[in-house]
PDB file of N, CA and C in Angstrom:
ATOM      1  N   MET A   1    -113.356 126.895  14.547  1.00  0.00           N
ATOM      2  CA  MET A   1    -112.434 127.003  15.669  1.00  0.00           C
ATOM      3  C   MET A   1    -111.112 127.598  15.179  1.00  0.00           C
ATOM      4  N   THR A   2    -110.655 128.637  15.845  1.00  0.00           N
ATOM      5  CA  THR A   2    -109.415 129.290  15.466  1.00  0.00           C
ATOM      6  C   THR A   2    -108.249 128.658  16.222  1.00  0.00           C
ATOM      7  N   ARG A   3    -107.226 128.312  15.487  1.00  0.00           N
ATOM      8  CA  ARG A   3    -106.033 127.721  16.099  1.00  0.00           C
ATOM      9  C   ARG A   3    -105.200 128.832  16.716  1.00  0.00           C
ATOM     10  N   ARG A   4    -104.822 128.665  17.971  1.00  0.00           N
ATOM     11  CA  ARG A   4    -104.022 129.696  18.623  1.00  0.00           C
ATOM     12  C   ARG A   4    -102.613 129.681  18.030  1.00  0.00           C
ATOM     13  N   PRO A   5    -101.997 130.847  17.879  1.00  0.00           N
ATOM     14  CA  PRO A   5    -100.666 130.894  17.281  1.00  0.00           C
ATOM     15  C   PRO A   5     -99.668 130.090  18.107  1.00  0.00           C
ATOM     16  N   ASP A   6     -98.727 129.486  17.425  1.00  0.00           N
ATOM     17  CA  ASP A   6     -97.694 128.713  18.086  1.00  0.00           C
ATOM     18  C   ASP A   6     -96.753 129.676  18.819  1.00  0.00           C
ATOM     19  N   ALA A   7     -96.737 129.590  20.146  1.00  0.00           N
ATOM     20  CA  ALA A   7     -95.945 130.518  20.961  1.00  0.00           C
ATOM     21  C   ALA A   7     -94.452 130.376  20.665  1.00  0.00           C
ATOM     22  N   LEU A   8     -93.982 129.153  20.493  1.00  0.00           N
ATOM     23  CA  LEU A   8     -92.563 128.948  20.206  1.00  0.00           C
ATOM     24  C   LEU A   8     -92.187 129.591  18.869  1.00  0.00           C
ATOM     25  N   ALA A   9     -93.049 129.464  17.874  1.00  0.00           N
ATOM     26  CA  ALA A   9     -92.791 130.089  16.575  1.00  0.00           C
ATOM     27  C   ALA A   9     -92.771 131.609  16.703  1.00  0.00           C
ATOM     28  N   GLU A  10     -93.642 132.154  17.545  1.00  0.00           N
ATOM     29  CA  GLU A  10     -93.664 133.609  17.725  1.00  0.00           C
ATOM     30  C   GLU A  10     -92.398 134.089  18.453  1.00  0.00           C
ATOM     31  N   ILE A  11     -91.934 133.328  19.443  1.00  0.00           N
ATOM     32  CA  ILE A  11     -90.691 133.676  20.140  1.00  0.00           C
ATOM     33  C   ILE A  11     -89.532 133.659  19.147  1.00  0.00           C
ATOM     34  N   ARG A  12     -89.499 132.648  18.286  1.00  0.00           N
ATOM     35  CA  ARG A  12     -88.448 132.542  17.265  1.00  0.00           C
ATOM     36  C   ARG A  12     -88.514 133.751  16.329  1.00  0.00           C
ATOM     37  N   LYS A  13     -89.723 134.138  15.929  1.00  0.00           N
ATOM     38  CA  LYS A  13     -89.909 135.292  15.044  1.00  0.00           C
ATOM     39  C   LYS A  13     -89.439 136.580  15.727  1.00  0.00           C
ATOM     40  N   LEU A  14     -89.749 136.728  17.008  1.00  0.00           N
ATOM     41  CA  LEU A  14     -89.281 137.900  17.762  1.00  0.00           C
ATOM     42  C   LEU A  14     -87.752 137.942  17.794  1.00  0.00           C
ATOM     43  N   TYR A  15     -87.142 136.783  18.017  1.00  0.00           N
ATOM     44  CA  TYR A  15     -85.677 136.704  18.092  1.00  0.00           C
ATOM     45  C   TYR A  15     -85.041 137.183  16.787  1.00  0.00           C
ATOM     46  N   TYR A  16     -85.524 136.656  15.665  1.00  0.00           N
ATOM     47  CA  TYR A  16     -84.911 137.002  14.381  1.00  0.00           C
ATOM     48  C   TYR A  16     -85.274 138.406  13.912  1.00  0.00           C
ATOM     49  N   GLY A  17     -86.356 138.975  14.419  1.00  0.00           N
ATOM     50  CA  GLY A  17     -86.779 140.287  13.959  1.00  0.00           C
ATOM     51  C   GLY A  17     -86.455 141.437  14.897  1.00  0.00           C
ATOM     52  N   THR A  18     -85.846 141.145  16.028  1.00  0.00           N
ATOM     53  CA  THR A  18     -85.610 142.220  17.001  1.00  0.00           C
ATOM     54  C   THR A  18     -84.518 143.174  16.531  1.00  0.00           C
ATOM     55  N   THR A  19     -84.652 144.404  16.951  1.00  0.00           N
ATOM     56  CA  THR A  19     -83.652 145.441  16.683  1.00  0.00           C
ATOM     57  C   THR A  19     -83.317 146.124  18.002  1.00  0.00           C
ATOM     58  N   LYS A  20     -82.334 146.979  17.974  1.00  0.00           N
ATOM     59  CA  LYS A  20     -81.967 147.709  19.186  1.00  0.00           C
ATOM     60  C   LYS A  20     -83.154 148.506  19.710  1.00  0.00           C
ATOM     61  N   ALA A  21     -83.950 149.030  18.816  1.00  0.00           N
ATOM     62  CA  ALA A  21     -85.102 149.846  19.219  1.00  0.00           C
ATOM     63  C   ALA A  21     -86.253 149.016  19.787  1.00  0.00           C
ATOM     64  N   THR A  22     -86.319 147.726  19.437  1.00  0.00           N
ATOM     65  CA  THR A  22     -87.468 146.916  19.851  1.00  0.00           C
ATOM     66  C   THR A  22     -87.115 145.808  20.831  1.00  0.00           C
ATOM     67  N   VAL A  23     -85.856 145.675  21.201  1.00  0.00           N
ATOM     68  CA  VAL A  23     -85.430 144.511  21.978  1.00  0.00           C
ATOM     69  C   VAL A  23     -86.122 144.413  23.334  1.00  0.00           C
ATOM     70  N   VAL A  24     -86.339 145.511  24.018  1.00  0.00           N
ATOM     71  CA  VAL A  24     -86.995 145.456  25.334  1.00  0.00           C
ATOM     72  C   VAL A  24     -88.440 144.994  25.176  1.00  0.00           C
ATOM     73  N   ARG A  25     -89.151 145.583  24.236  1.00  0.00           N
ATOM     74  CA  ARG A  25     -90.538 145.190  23.981  1.00  0.00           C
ATOM     75  C   ARG A  25     -90.615 143.723  23.538  1.00  0.00           C
ATOM     76  N   ASP A  26     -89.707 143.323  22.642  1.00  0.00           N
ATOM     77  CA  ASP A  26     -89.709 141.943  22.145  1.00  0.00           C
ATOM     78  C   ASP A  26     -89.398 140.943  23.255  1.00  0.00           C
ATOM     79  N   LEU A  27     -88.470 141.278  24.117  1.00  0.00           N
ATOM     80  CA  LEU A  27     -88.128 140.385  25.227  1.00  0.00           C
ATOM     81  C   LEU A  27     -89.300 140.271  26.205  1.00  0.00           C
ATOM     82  N   ASP A  28     -89.955 141.381  26.491  1.00  0.00           N
ATOM     83  CA  ASP A  28     -91.135 141.339  27.365  1.00  0.00           C
ATOM     84  C   ASP A  28     -92.231 140.459  26.768  1.00  0.00           C
ATOM     85  N   ARG A  29     -92.465 140.590  25.469  1.00  0.00           N
ATOM     86  CA  ARG A  29     -93.479 139.768  24.796  1.00  0.00           C
ATOM     87  C   ARG A  29     -93.071 138.292  24.837  1.00  0.00           C
ATOM     88  N   ALA A  30     -91.795 138.010  24.591  1.00  0.00           N
ATOM     89  CA  ALA A  30     -91.306 136.631  24.607  1.00  0.00           C
ATOM     90  C   ALA A  30     -91.462 136.015  25.999  1.00  0.00           C
ATOM     91  N   ILE A  31     -91.242 136.805  27.038  1.00  0.00           N
ATOM     92  CA  ILE A  31     -91.419 136.308  28.413  1.00  0.00           C
ATOM     93  C   ILE A  31     -92.880 135.942  28.653  1.00  0.00           C
ATOM     94  N   ASP A  32     -93.782 136.794  28.189  1.00  0.00           N
ATOM     95  CA  ASP A  32     -95.216 136.492  28.332  1.00  0.00           C
ATOM     96  C   ASP A  32     -95.570 135.191  27.605  1.00  0.00           C
ATOM     97  N   LEU A  33     -95.027 135.018  26.407  1.00  0.00           N
ATOM     98  CA  LEU A  33     -95.286 133.791  25.647  1.00  0.00           C
ATOM     99  C   LEU A  33     -94.685 132.577  26.337  1.00  0.00           C
ATOM    100  N   LEU A  34     -93.488 132.727  26.881  1.00  0.00           N
ATOM    101  CA  LEU A  34     -92.807 131.631  27.570  1.00  0.00           C
ATOM    102  C   LEU A  34     -93.631 131.143  28.756  1.00  0.00           C
ATOM    103  N   LYS A  35     -94.219 132.063  29.494  1.00  0.00           N
ATOM    104  CA  LYS A  35     -95.034 131.703  30.652  1.00  0.00           C
ATOM    105  C   LYS A  35     -96.237 130.858  30.263  1.00  0.00           C
ATOM    106  N   GLY A  36     -96.703 131.011  29.028  1.00  0.00           N
ATOM    107  CA  GLY A  36     -97.868 130.284  28.576  1.00  0.00           C
ATOM    108  C   GLY A  36     -97.572 128.934  27.946  1.00  0.00           C
ATOM    109  N   LEU A  37     -96.292 128.589  27.804  1.00  0.00           N
ATOM    110  CA  LEU A  37     -95.962 127.301  27.198  1.00  0.00           C
ATOM    111  C   LEU A  37     -96.352 126.174  28.145  1.00  0.00           C
ATOM    112  N   PRO A  38     -97.022 125.144  27.613  1.00  0.00           N
ATOM    113  CA  PRO A  38     -97.585 124.109  28.476  1.00  0.00           C
ATOM    114  C   PRO A  38     -96.601 123.061  29.000  1.00  0.00           C
ATOM    115  N   SER A  39     -95.460 122.887  28.359  1.00  0.00           N
ATOM    116  CA  SER A  39     -94.573 121.803  28.802  1.00  0.00           C
ATOM    117  C   SER A  39     -93.137 122.287  28.989  1.00  0.00           C
ATOM    118  N   ASP A  40     -92.411 121.546  29.813  1.00  0.00           N
ATOM    119  CA  ASP A  40     -90.997 121.847  30.030  1.00  0.00           C
ATOM    120  C   ASP A  40     -90.205 121.691  28.739  1.00  0.00           C
ATOM    121  N   ASP A  41     -90.582 120.722  27.914  1.00  0.00           N
ATOM    122  CA  ASP A  41     -89.893 120.491  26.650  1.00  0.00           C
ATOM    123  C   ASP A  41     -89.975 121.729  25.752  1.00  0.00           C
ATOM    124  N   GLU A  42     -91.159 122.322  25.666  1.00  0.00           N
ATOM    125  CA  GLU A  42     -91.323 123.531  24.855  1.00  0.00           C
ATOM    126  C   GLU A  42     -90.561 124.708  25.454  1.00  0.00           C
ATOM    127  N   ARG A  43     -90.565 124.815  26.778  1.00  0.00           N
ATOM    128  CA  ARG A  43     -89.828 125.902  27.435  1.00  0.00           C
ATOM    129  C   ARG A  43     -88.322 125.753  27.211  1.00  0.00           C
ATOM    130  N   GLU A  44     -87.821 124.518  27.199  1.00  0.00           N
ATOM    131  CA  GLU A  44     -86.391 124.303  26.924  1.00  0.00           C
ATOM    132  C   GLU A  44     -86.033 124.730  25.512  1.00  0.00           C
ATOM    133  N   LYS A  45     -86.914 124.448  24.561  1.00  0.00           N
ATOM    134  CA  LYS A  45     -86.670 124.864  23.174  1.00  0.00           C
ATOM    135  C   LYS A  45     -86.665 126.383  23.058  1.00  0.00           C
ATOM    136  N   ALA A  46     -87.538 127.036  23.802  1.00  0.00           N
ATOM    137  CA  ALA A  46     -87.632 128.497  23.758  1.00  0.00           C
ATOM    138  C   ALA A  46     -86.467 129.163  24.475  1.00  0.00           C
ATOM    139  N   ALA A  47     -85.828 128.443  25.396  1.00  0.00           N
ATOM    140  CA  ALA A  47     -84.755 129.032  26.204  1.00  0.00           C
ATOM    141  C   ALA A  47     -83.612 129.565  25.350  1.00  0.00           C
ATOM    142  N   VAL A  48     -83.310 128.916  24.254  1.00  0.00           N
ATOM    143  CA  VAL A  48     -82.226 129.366  23.369  1.00  0.00           C
ATOM    144  C   VAL A  48     -82.535 130.763  22.828  1.00  0.00           C
ATOM    145  N   TYR A  49     -83.769 130.957  22.389  1.00  0.00           N
ATOM    146  CA  TYR A  49     -84.163 132.252  21.844  1.00  0.00           C
ATOM    147  C   TYR A  49     -84.243 133.316  22.943  1.00  0.00           C
ATOM    148  N   MET A  50     -84.703 132.912  24.123  1.00  0.00           N
ATOM    149  CA  MET A  50     -84.793 133.841  25.251  1.00  0.00           C
ATOM    150  C   MET A  50     -83.399 134.327  25.641  1.00  0.00           C
ATOM    151  N   ASP A  51     -82.459 133.391  25.701  1.00  0.00           N
ATOM    152  CA  ASP A  51     -81.085 133.753  26.036  1.00  0.00           C
ATOM    153  C   ASP A  51     -80.505 134.699  24.984  1.00  0.00           C
ATOM    154  N   GLY A  52     -80.804 134.416  23.725  1.00  0.00           N
ATOM    155  CA  GLY A  52     -80.327 135.284  22.645  1.00  0.00           C
ATOM    156  C   GLY A  52     -80.885 136.687  22.748  1.00  0.00           C
ATOM    157  N   LEU A  53     -82.166 136.804  23.046  1.00  0.00           N
ATOM    158  CA  LEU A  53     -82.766 138.128  23.213  1.00  0.00           C
ATOM    159  C   LEU A  53     -82.131 138.882  24.379  1.00  0.00           C
ATOM    160  N   ALA A  54     -81.912 138.169  25.481  1.00  0.00           N
ATOM    161  CA  ALA A  54     -81.280 138.798  26.650  1.00  0.00           C
ATOM    162  C   ALA A  54     -79.851 139.237  26.325  1.00  0.00           C
ATOM    163  N   GLN A  55     -79.127 138.425  25.556  1.00  0.00           N
ATOM    164  CA  GLN A  55     -77.758 138.786  25.163  1.00  0.00           C
ATOM    165  C   GLN A  55     -77.761 140.031  24.280  1.00  0.00           C
ATOM    166  N   MET A  56     -78.695 140.088  23.346  1.00  0.00           N
ATOM    167  CA  MET A  56     -78.769 141.272  22.473  1.00  0.00           C
ATOM    168  C   MET A  56     -79.045 142.519  23.298  1.00  0.00           C
ATOM    169  N   ARG A  57     -79.995 142.417  24.225  1.00  0.00           N
ATOM    170  CA  ARG A  57     -80.305 143.576  25.074  1.00  0.00           C
ATOM    171  C   ARG A  57     -79.064 144.016  25.841  1.00  0.00           C
ATOM    172  N   SER A  58     -78.323 143.058  26.367  1.00  0.00           N
ATOM    173  CA  SER A  58     -77.119 143.357  27.133  1.00  0.00           C
ATOM    174  C   SER A  58     -76.029 143.972  26.252  1.00  0.00           C
ATOM    175  N   GLU A  59     -75.779 143.364  25.099  1.00  0.00           N
ATOM    176  CA  GLU A  59     -74.729 143.861  24.201  1.00  0.00           C
ATOM    177  C   GLU A  59     -75.031 145.248  23.659  1.00  0.00           C
ATOM    178  N   TRP A  60     -76.300 145.518  23.416  1.00  0.00           N
ATOM    179  CA  TRP A  60     -76.688 146.821  22.896  1.00  0.00           C
ATOM    180  C   TRP A  60     -76.811 147.857  24.007  1.00  0.00           C
ATOM    181  N   GLY A  61     -76.661 147.448  25.249  1.00  0.00           N
ATOM    182  CA  GLY A  61     -76.705 148.371  26.381  1.00  0.00           C
ATOM    183  C   GLY A  61     -78.068 148.984  26.609  1.00  0.00           C
ATOM    184  N   VAL A  62     -79.109 148.275  26.267  1.00  0.00           N
ATOM    185  CA  VAL A  62     -80.469 148.782  26.430  1.00  0.00           C
ATOM    186  C   VAL A  62     -80.978 148.391  27.808  1.00  0.00           C
ATOM    187  N   LYS A  63     -81.525 149.347  28.514  1.00  0.00           N
ATOM    188  CA  LYS A  63     -82.088 149.108  29.846  1.00  0.00           C
ATOM    189  C   LYS A  63     -83.602 149.051  29.748  1.00  0.00           C
ATOM    190  N   SER A  64     -84.215 148.250  30.605  1.00  0.00           N
ATOM    191  CA  SER A  64     -85.667 148.211  30.691  1.00  0.00           C
ATOM    192  C   SER A  64     -86.154 149.525  31.269  1.00  0.00           C
ATOM    193  N   GLN A  65     -87.363 149.906  30.919  1.00  0.00           N
ATOM    194  CA  GLN A  65     -87.948 151.135  31.453  1.00  0.00           C
ATOM    195  C   GLN A  65     -88.204 150.974  32.942  1.00  0.00           C
ATOM    196  N   ALA A  66     -87.783 151.947  33.742  1.00  0.00           N
ATOM    197  CA  ALA A  66     -88.042 151.935  35.183  1.00  0.00           C
ATOM    198  C   ALA A  66     -89.485 152.369  35.414  1.00  0.00           C
ATOM    199  N   PRO A  67     -90.115 151.862  36.449  1.00  0.00           N
ATOM    200  CA  PRO A  67     -91.483 152.301  36.747  1.00  0.00           C
ATOM    201  C   PRO A  67     -91.529 153.796  37.019  1.00  0.00           C
ATOM    202  N   ALA A  68     -92.618 154.428  36.674  1.00  0.00           N
ATOM    203  CA  ALA A  68     -92.766 155.869  36.885  1.00  0.00           C
ATOM    204  C   ALA A  68     -92.664 156.199  38.364  1.00  0.00           C
ATOM    205  N   GLY A  69     -91.978 157.277  38.690  1.00  0.00           N
ATOM    206  CA  GLY A  69     -91.871 157.705  40.080  1.00  0.00           C
ATOM    207  C   GLY A  69     -90.626 157.182  40.779  1.00  0.00           C
ATOM    208  N   GLY A  70     -89.866 156.335  40.134  1.00  0.00           N
ATOM    209  CA  GLY A  70     -88.644 155.812  40.749  1.00  0.00           C
ATOM    210  C   GLY A  70     -88.934 154.832  41.864  1.00  0.00           C
ATOM    211  N   ALA A  71     -87.901 154.436  42.536  1.00  0.00           N
ATOM    212  CA  ALA A  71     -88.033 153.458  43.621  1.00  0.00           C
ATOM    213  C   ALA A  71     -88.664 154.114  44.839  1.00  0.00           C
ATOM    214  N   LYS A  72     -89.540 153.387  45.482  1.00  0.00           N
ATOM    215  CA  LYS A  72     -90.195 153.891  46.681  1.00  0.00           C
ATOM    216  C   LYS A  72     -89.789 152.998  47.845  1.00  0.00           C
ATOM    217  N   PRO A  73     -89.676 153.567  49.045  1.00  0.00           N
ATOM    218  CA  PRO A  73     -89.319 152.742  50.190  1.00  0.00           C
ATOM    219  C   PRO A  73     -90.425 151.738  50.494  1.00  0.00           C
ATOM    220  N   LEU A  74     -90.038 150.606  51.028  1.00  0.00           N
ATOM    221  CA  LEU A  74     -91.001 149.583  51.397  1.00  0.00           C
ATOM    222  C   LEU A  74     -91.847 150.056  52.564  1.00  0.00           C
ATOM    223  N   ALA A  75     -93.101 149.669  52.577  1.00  0.00           N
ATOM    224  CA  ALA A  75     -93.983 150.032  53.672  1.00  0.00           C
ATOM    225  C   ALA A  75     -93.480 149.395  54.952  1.00  0.00           C
ATOM    226  N   GLY A  76     -93.412 150.162  56.004  1.00  0.00           N
ATOM    227  CA  GLY A  76     -92.962 149.637  57.287  1.00  0.00           C
ATOM    228  C   GLY A  76     -91.449 149.552  57.423  1.00  0.00           C
ATOM    229  N   ALA A  77     -90.721 150.001  56.408  1.00  0.00           N
ATOM    230  CA  ALA A  77     -89.260 149.932  56.486  1.00  0.00           C
ATOM    231  C   ALA A  77     -88.758 150.988  57.470  1.00  0.00           C
ATOM    232  N   LYS A  78     -87.831 150.605  58.297  1.00  0.00           N
ATOM    233  CA  LYS A  78     -87.271 151.535  59.280  1.00  0.00           C
ATOM    234  C   LYS A  78     -86.145 152.332  58.653  1.00  0.00           C
ATOM    235  N   LYS A  79     -86.068 153.576  59.033  1.00  0.00           N
ATOM    236  CA  LYS A  79     -84.949 154.393  58.601  1.00  0.00           C
ATOM    237  C   LYS A  79     -83.807 154.121  59.550  1.00  0.00           C
ATOM    238  N   THR A  80     -82.620 153.949  58.976  1.00  0.00           N
ATOM    239  CA  THR A  80     -81.463 153.674  59.823  1.00  0.00           C
ATOM    240  C   THR A  80     -80.697 154.960  60.060  1.00  0.00           C
ATOM    241  N   ALA A  81     -80.144 155.074  61.239  1.00  0.00           N
ATOM    242  CA  ALA A  81     -79.348 156.246  61.589  1.00  0.00           C
ATOM    243  C   ALA A  81     -77.983 156.137  60.916  1.00  0.00           C
ATOM    244  N   ALA A  82     -77.368 157.284  60.728  1.00  0.00           N
ATOM    245  CA  ALA A  82     -76.026 157.305  60.146  1.00  0.00           C
ATOM    246  C   ALA A  82     -75.059 156.637  61.118  1.00  0.00           C
ATOM    247  N   PRO A  83     -74.032 155.979  60.605  1.00  0.00           N
ATOM    248  CA  PRO A  83     -73.073 155.325  61.493  1.00  0.00           C
ATOM    249  C   PRO A  83     -72.366 156.354  62.374  1.00  0.00           C
ATOM    250  N   ALA A  84     -72.047 155.971  63.579  1.00  0.00           N
ATOM    251  CA  ALA A  84     -71.371 156.866  64.521  1.00  0.00           C
ATOM    252  C   ALA A  84     -69.969 157.170  64.019  1.00  0.00           C
ATOM    253  N   ARG A  85     -69.544 158.415  64.232  1.00  0.00           N
ATOM    254  CA  ARG A  85     -68.200 158.809  63.822  1.00  0.00           C
ATOM    255  C   ARG A  85     -67.225 158.573  64.973  1.00  0.00           C
ATOM    256  N   ALA A  86     -65.999 158.352  64.601  1.00  0.00           N
ATOM    257  CA  ALA A  86     -64.957 158.204  65.611  1.00  0.00           C
ATOM    258  C   ALA A  86     -64.756 159.544  66.306  1.00  0.00           C
ATOM    259  N   PRO A  87     -64.477 159.537  67.612  1.00  0.00           N
ATOM    260  CA  PRO A  87     -64.273 160.796  68.328  1.00  0.00           C
ATOM    261  C   PRO A  87     -63.069 161.551  67.784  1.00  0.00           C
ATOM    262  N   ARG A  88     -63.178 162.876  67.773  1.00  0.00           N
ATOM    263  CA  ARG A  88     -62.064 163.713  67.300  1.00  0.00           C
ATOM    264  C   ARG A  88     -61.126 164.020  68.456  1.00  0.00           C
ATOM    265  N   GLY A  89     -59.908 164.319  68.090  1.00  0.00           N
ATOM    266  CA  GLY A  89     -58.929 164.667  69.113  1.00  0.00           C
ATOM    267  C   GLY A  89     -58.259 163.415  69.647  1.00  0.00           C
ATOM    268  N   GLY A  90     -57.574 163.579  70.742  1.00  0.00           N
ATOM    269  CA  GLY A  90     -56.900 162.426  71.322  1.00  0.00           C
ATOM    270  C   GLY A  90     -55.675 162.042  70.523  1.00  0.00           C
ATOM    271  N   ARG A  91     -55.181 160.864  70.758  1.00  0.00           N
ATOM    272  CA  ARG A  91     -53.971 160.425  70.097  1.00  0.00           C
ATOM    273  C   ARG A  91     -54.313 159.703  68.805  1.00  0.00           C
ATOM    274  N   GLY A  92     -54.510 160.436  67.751  1.00  0.00           N
ATOM    275  CA  GLY A  92     -54.749 159.883  66.437  1.00  0.00           C
ATOM    276  C   GLY A  92     -53.450 159.805  65.672  1.00  0.00           C
ATOM    277  N   ARG A  93     -53.494 159.459  64.458  1.00  0.00           N
ATOM    278  CA  ARG A  93     -52.317 159.293  63.618  1.00  0.00           C
ATOM    279  C   ARG A  93     -51.560 160.613  63.451  1.00  0.00           C
ATOM    280  N   ALA A  94     -52.300 161.713  63.247  1.00  0.00           N
ATOM    281  CA  ALA A  94     -51.660 162.998  63.027  1.00  0.00           C
ATOM    282  C   ALA A  94     -51.037 163.569  64.285  1.00  0.00           C
ATOM    283  N   SER A  95     -51.510 163.177  65.479  1.00  0.00           N
ATOM    284  CA  SER A  95     -51.016 163.783  66.698  1.00  0.00           C
ATOM    285  C   SER A  95     -49.922 162.952  67.379  1.00  0.00           C
ATOM    286  N   LYS A  96     -49.449 161.889  66.748  1.00  0.00           N
ATOM    287  CA  LYS A  96     -48.402 161.071  67.363  1.00  0.00           C
ATOM    288  C   LYS A  96     -47.093 161.853  67.417  1.00  0.00           C
ATOM    289  N   ALA A  97     -46.444 161.723  68.489  1.00  0.00           N
ATOM    290  CA  ALA A  97     -45.142 162.386  68.628  1.00  0.00           C
ATOM    291  C   ALA A  97     -44.100 161.536  67.930  1.00  0.00           C
ATOM    292  N   ARG A  98     -43.136 162.197  67.306  1.00  0.00           N
ATOM    293  CA  ARG A  98     -42.074 161.462  66.611  1.00  0.00           C
ATOM    294  C   ARG A  98     -40.837 161.419  67.408  1.00  0.00           C
TER     295      ARG A  98
END
């Protein structure tokens, strides 16, 4: 029987080994591992490392990869009309008599 790797130990290893080039991948992997932790106690222990990874990503200014094709409108979303403009002419600020 093969013992499954300790997820908390792997998250800790990702935290200490991450670099600017790998932080997005490492954070994604750590999130996957976090989801698999069986107890709240283990998730609380992992939270410190998760927060650290998120801070590194933020400080290094690294953005997650956007999905291919960019943002798409939601199905069934209505297009809104442009807001109505104020009528031209009449007694506006520029046409006030002094």
